Amino acid sequence: MKKIAVLFLIVFSFSYGLDSSVVGKRFVDFTSIDEKGREVKASQVINGKPAVVVFFAIGDQPGTFKFLPHMNDLYEKYKDKVVFMAVLLSRSDPEEVKELKQMLPLKIPVYLGYSDAVKGYGIRKVDVPLILFIDRKGIIKHLVVRPESTMEEIYPEEKFEKKETIEERIKQSIQIMDRYIKEISKE
């Protein structure tokens, strides 16, 4: 019985783990709900422009609450060159999104993404925030997972010394993401 349970856990973890192999491939389109309650495809929002797509969850602490507000600086700096989508992975309504944006605060447009976004990228709750950097051709150039964490993952992998405090890690991650946005916006 123990062998069956262990085998099940191994298979489950591989089949539902983060899919870092998406880097270098075309982004997987998904359906979302915009802040006005309209259903839209991510491809309609991105529309052939470079994009930064941030998947997040309300219950994610400290990722959502400590890290996400720092994305406002990148949004303000690049919003005329790059499409930003903050994709909330929960069943919320536009009023809850409005409250969340004020509470964080968050300037980036928020979209509600459901099962096709989660399945398309193999996202688990522990994998958020998960940030995709997509070029004009729709190719995912970079992937950053849990940027505030000591468990941060960056694909393609980069060698760097992770900072000690969460504030230092956030600052470091924002600098890395700034470089990625410059890259996708110039291509």
Protein backbone atom coordinates (compact mmCIF):
# COMPACT_ATOMS: atom_id res chain seq x y z
CA MET A 1 0.00 0.00 0.00
CA LYS A 2 2.85 2.40 0.83
CA LYS A 3 4.40 1.79 -2.60
CA ILE A 4 1.13 2.66 -4.31
CA ALA A 5 0.79 5.86 -2.27
CA VAL A 6 4.37 6.92 -3.05
CA LEU A 7 3.89 6.14 -6.76
CA PHE A 8 0.67 8.18 -6.77
CA LEU A 9 2.45 11.16 -5.16
CA ILE A 10 5.29 11.00 -7.68
CA VAL A 11 2.95 10.81 -10.66
CA PHE A 12 0.73 13.57 -9.21
CA SER A 13 3.64 15.92 -8.59
CA PHE A 14 5.05 15.47 -12.10
CA SER A 15 1.73 15.83 -13.84
CA TYR A 16 0.69 19.00 -12.00
CA GLY A 17 4.00 20.73 -11.38
CA LEU A 18 5.20 23.97 -12.87
CA ASP A 19 5.90 23.63 -16.58
CA SER A 20 9.12 25.59 -17.09
CA SER A 21 9.45 24.08 -20.57
CA VAL A 22 7.11 26.81 -21.86
CA VAL A 23 10.12 29.14 -22.19
CA GLY A 24 11.01 29.38 -25.88
CA LYS A 25 7.53 28.27 -26.94
CA ARG A 26 4.44 30.15 -28.05
CA PHE A 27 2.34 31.41 -25.17
CA VAL A 28 -0.74 29.33 -24.36
CA ASP A 29 -3.89 31.38 -24.89
CA PHE A 30 -6.54 31.38 -22.18
CA THR A 31 -9.93 32.91 -21.49
CA SER A 32 -10.29 35.54 -18.79
CA ILE A 33 -12.76 38.10 -17.49
CA ASP A 34 -11.71 41.76 -17.61
CA GLU A 35 -12.44 44.33 -14.88
CA LYS A 36 -15.75 45.22 -16.54
CA GLY A 37 -16.96 41.61 -16.48
CA ARG A 38 -16.39 40.87 -20.18
CA GLU A 39 -14.94 37.57 -21.34
CA VAL A 40 -11.73 38.05 -23.34
CA LYS A 41 -8.94 35.88 -24.64
CA ALA A 42 -5.42 36.78 -23.55
CA SER A 43 -4.46 36.88 -27.23
CA GLN A 44 -7.02 39.67 -27.77
CA VAL A 45 -5.49 41.72 -24.96
CA ILE A 46 -1.89 41.09 -26.02
CA ASN A 47 -2.72 41.52 -29.72
CA GLY A 48 0.79 41.01 -31.14
CA LYS A 49 2.57 43.26 -28.63
CA PRO A 50 5.23 42.32 -26.10
CA ALA A 51 3.58 41.37 -22.82
CA VAL A 52 4.12 40.75 -19.14
CA VAL A 53 1.56 38.34 -17.71
CA VAL A 54 1.50 38.02 -13.93
CA PHE A 55 -0.48 35.09 -12.50
CA PHE A 56 -1.35 35.58 -8.83
CA ALA A 57 -3.73 34.46 -6.07
CA ILE A 58 -5.49 36.40 -3.34
CA GLY A 59 -4.37 34.01 -0.60
CA ASP A 60 -0.73 34.16 -1.62
CA GLN A 61 1.22 35.81 1.19
CA PRO A 62 3.73 37.40 0.83
CA GLY A 63 3.85 37.14 -2.98
CA THR A 64 0.66 38.99 -3.79
CA PHE A 65 0.68 41.47 -0.95
CA LYS A 66 4.40 42.22 -0.62
CA PHE A 67 5.60 41.78 -4.21
CA LEU A 68 2.76 42.70 -6.56
CA PRO A 69 2.58 46.43 -5.64
CA HIS A 70 6.23 46.74 -6.75
CA MET A 71 5.14 45.81 -10.28
CA ASN A 72 3.43 49.23 -10.47
CA ASP A 73 6.80 50.91 -11.11
CA LEU A 74 7.49 48.63 -14.09
CA TYR A 75 3.94 49.14 -15.33
CA GLU A 76 4.27 52.93 -15.19
CA LYS A 77 7.67 52.82 -16.88
CA TYR A 78 6.70 50.46 -19.76
CA LYS A 79 2.90 50.59 -20.17
CA ASP A 80 3.23 52.42 -23.52
CA LYS A 81 5.55 49.72 -24.93
CA VAL A 82 4.36 46.50 -23.28
CA VAL A 83 0.96 45.01 -22.41
CA PHE A 84 0.58 44.12 -18.74
CA MET A 85 -1.96 41.59 -17.51
CA ALA A 86 -2.34 40.66 -13.83
CA VAL A 87 -4.30 37.40 -13.91
CA LEU A 88 -6.08 36.58 -10.66
CA LEU A 89 -6.53 32.84 -10.33
CA SER A 90 -9.75 32.78 -8.33
CA ARG A 91 -13.49 33.00 -8.74
CA SER A 92 -13.95 36.67 -7.93
CA ASP A 93 -16.21 39.31 -9.39
CA PRO A 94 -15.37 42.79 -10.72
CA GLU A 95 -16.26 44.44 -7.37
CA GLU A 96 -13.83 42.17 -5.48
CA VAL A 97 -11.15 42.97 -8.06
CA LYS A 98 -11.74 46.70 -7.57
CA GLU A 99 -11.39 46.31 -3.78
CA LEU A 100 -8.25 44.19 -4.15
CA LYS A 101 -6.63 46.73 -6.48
CA GLN A 102 -7.24 49.51 -3.95
CA MET A 103 -6.06 47.42 -1.02
CA LEU A 104 -2.74 46.36 -2.59
CA PRO A 105 -2.61 49.02 -4.38
CA LEU A 106 -2.23 47.75 -7.96
CA LYS A 107 -2.35 49.81 -11.17
CA ILE A 108 -1.95 46.91 -13.62
CA PRO A 109 -5.21 45.78 -15.28
CA VAL A 110 -6.53 42.66 -13.57
CA TYR A 111 -8.15 39.77 -15.40
CA LEU A 112 -9.82 36.75 -13.86
CA GLY A 113 -8.25 33.57 -15.17
CA TYR A 114 -9.61 30.13 -14.48
CA SER A 115 -8.86 26.50 -15.25
CA ASP A 116 -7.52 26.89 -18.79
CA ALA A 117 -4.85 29.36 -17.56
CA VAL A 118 -3.93 27.06 -14.66
CA LYS A 119 -3.79 23.96 -16.87
CA GLY A 120 -2.04 25.70 -19.76
CA TYR A 121 0.90 26.65 -17.57
CA GLY A 122 0.83 23.88 -14.96
CA ILE A 123 0.35 26.43 -12.19
CA ARG A 124 -0.04 25.33 -8.59
CA LYS A 125 -0.84 27.66 -5.70
CA VAL A 126 2.78 27.46 -4.58
CA ASP A 127 3.90 28.71 -8.02
CA VAL A 128 2.55 32.26 -7.73
CA PRO A 129 3.29 34.96 -8.49
CA LEU A 130 4.31 33.48 -11.83
CA ILE A 131 5.39 36.03 -14.42
CA LEU A 132 5.70 35.44 -18.17
CA PHE A 133 7.65 37.73 -20.49
CA ILE A 134 6.29 37.34 -24.03
CA ASP A 135 7.80 38.86 -27.17
CA ARG A 136 5.92 40.35 -30.16
CA LYS A 137 5.84 36.96 -31.88
CA GLY A 138 4.06 35.40 -28.90
CA ILE A 139 7.13 33.48 -27.70
CA ILE A 140 7.75 33.20 -23.96
CA LYS A 141 11.27 34.52 -23.45
CA HIS A 142 11.47 34.38 -19.65
CA LEU A 143 9.58 32.95 -16.70
CA VAL A 144 9.92 34.12 -13.08
CA VAL A 145 8.27 32.22 -10.25
CA ARG A 146 7.90 33.42 -6.64
CA PRO A 147 10.10 36.53 -7.12
CA GLU A 148 9.93 37.49 -3.44
CA SER A 149 10.93 34.07 -2.15
CA THR A 150 14.14 32.30 -1.29
CA MET A 151 12.64 29.61 -3.55
CA GLU A 152 12.51 31.96 -6.56
CA GLU A 153 12.91 30.28 -9.93
CA ILE A 154 13.99 31.99 -13.14
CA TYR A 155 13.93 30.40 -16.59
CA PRO A 156 16.12 30.27 -18.53
CA GLU A 157 18.16 29.82 -15.39
CA GLU A 158 20.48 32.60 -14.26
CA LYS A 159 23.20 32.49 -11.67
CA PHE A 160 22.89 35.17 -9.02
CA GLU A 161 23.21 35.38 -5.27
CA LYS A 162 19.80 35.61 -3.66
CA LYS A 163 19.42 38.42 -1.18
CA GLU A 164 18.76 37.86 2.51
CA THR A 165 15.61 39.86 3.21
CA ILE A 166 12.33 39.85 1.35
CA GLU A 167 12.72 43.55 0.58
CA GLU A 168 16.16 42.93 -0.97
CA ARG A 169 14.86 39.93 -2.94
CA ILE A 170 11.95 41.98 -4.29
CA LYS A 171 14.29 44.79 -5.36
CA GLN A 172 16.61 42.27 -7.02
CA SER A 173 13.70 40.60 -8.84
CA ILE A 174 12.34 43.94 -10.09
CA GLN A 175 15.79 44.77 -11.52
CA ILE A 176 15.91 41.41 -13.33
CA MET A 177 12.38 41.89 -14.66
CA ASP A 178 13.23 45.40 -15.82
CA ARG A 179 15.98 43.87 -17.95
CA TYR A 180 13.56 41.26 -19.35
CA ILE A 181 11.00 43.93 -20.25
CA LYS A 182 13.67 45.99 -22.03
CA GLU A 183 14.58 42.87 -24.00
CA ILE A 184 11.04 42.02 -25.13
CA SER A 185 10.12 45.63 -25.90
CA LYS A 186 13.10 46.13 -28.23
CA GLU A 187 12.68 42.98 -30.31
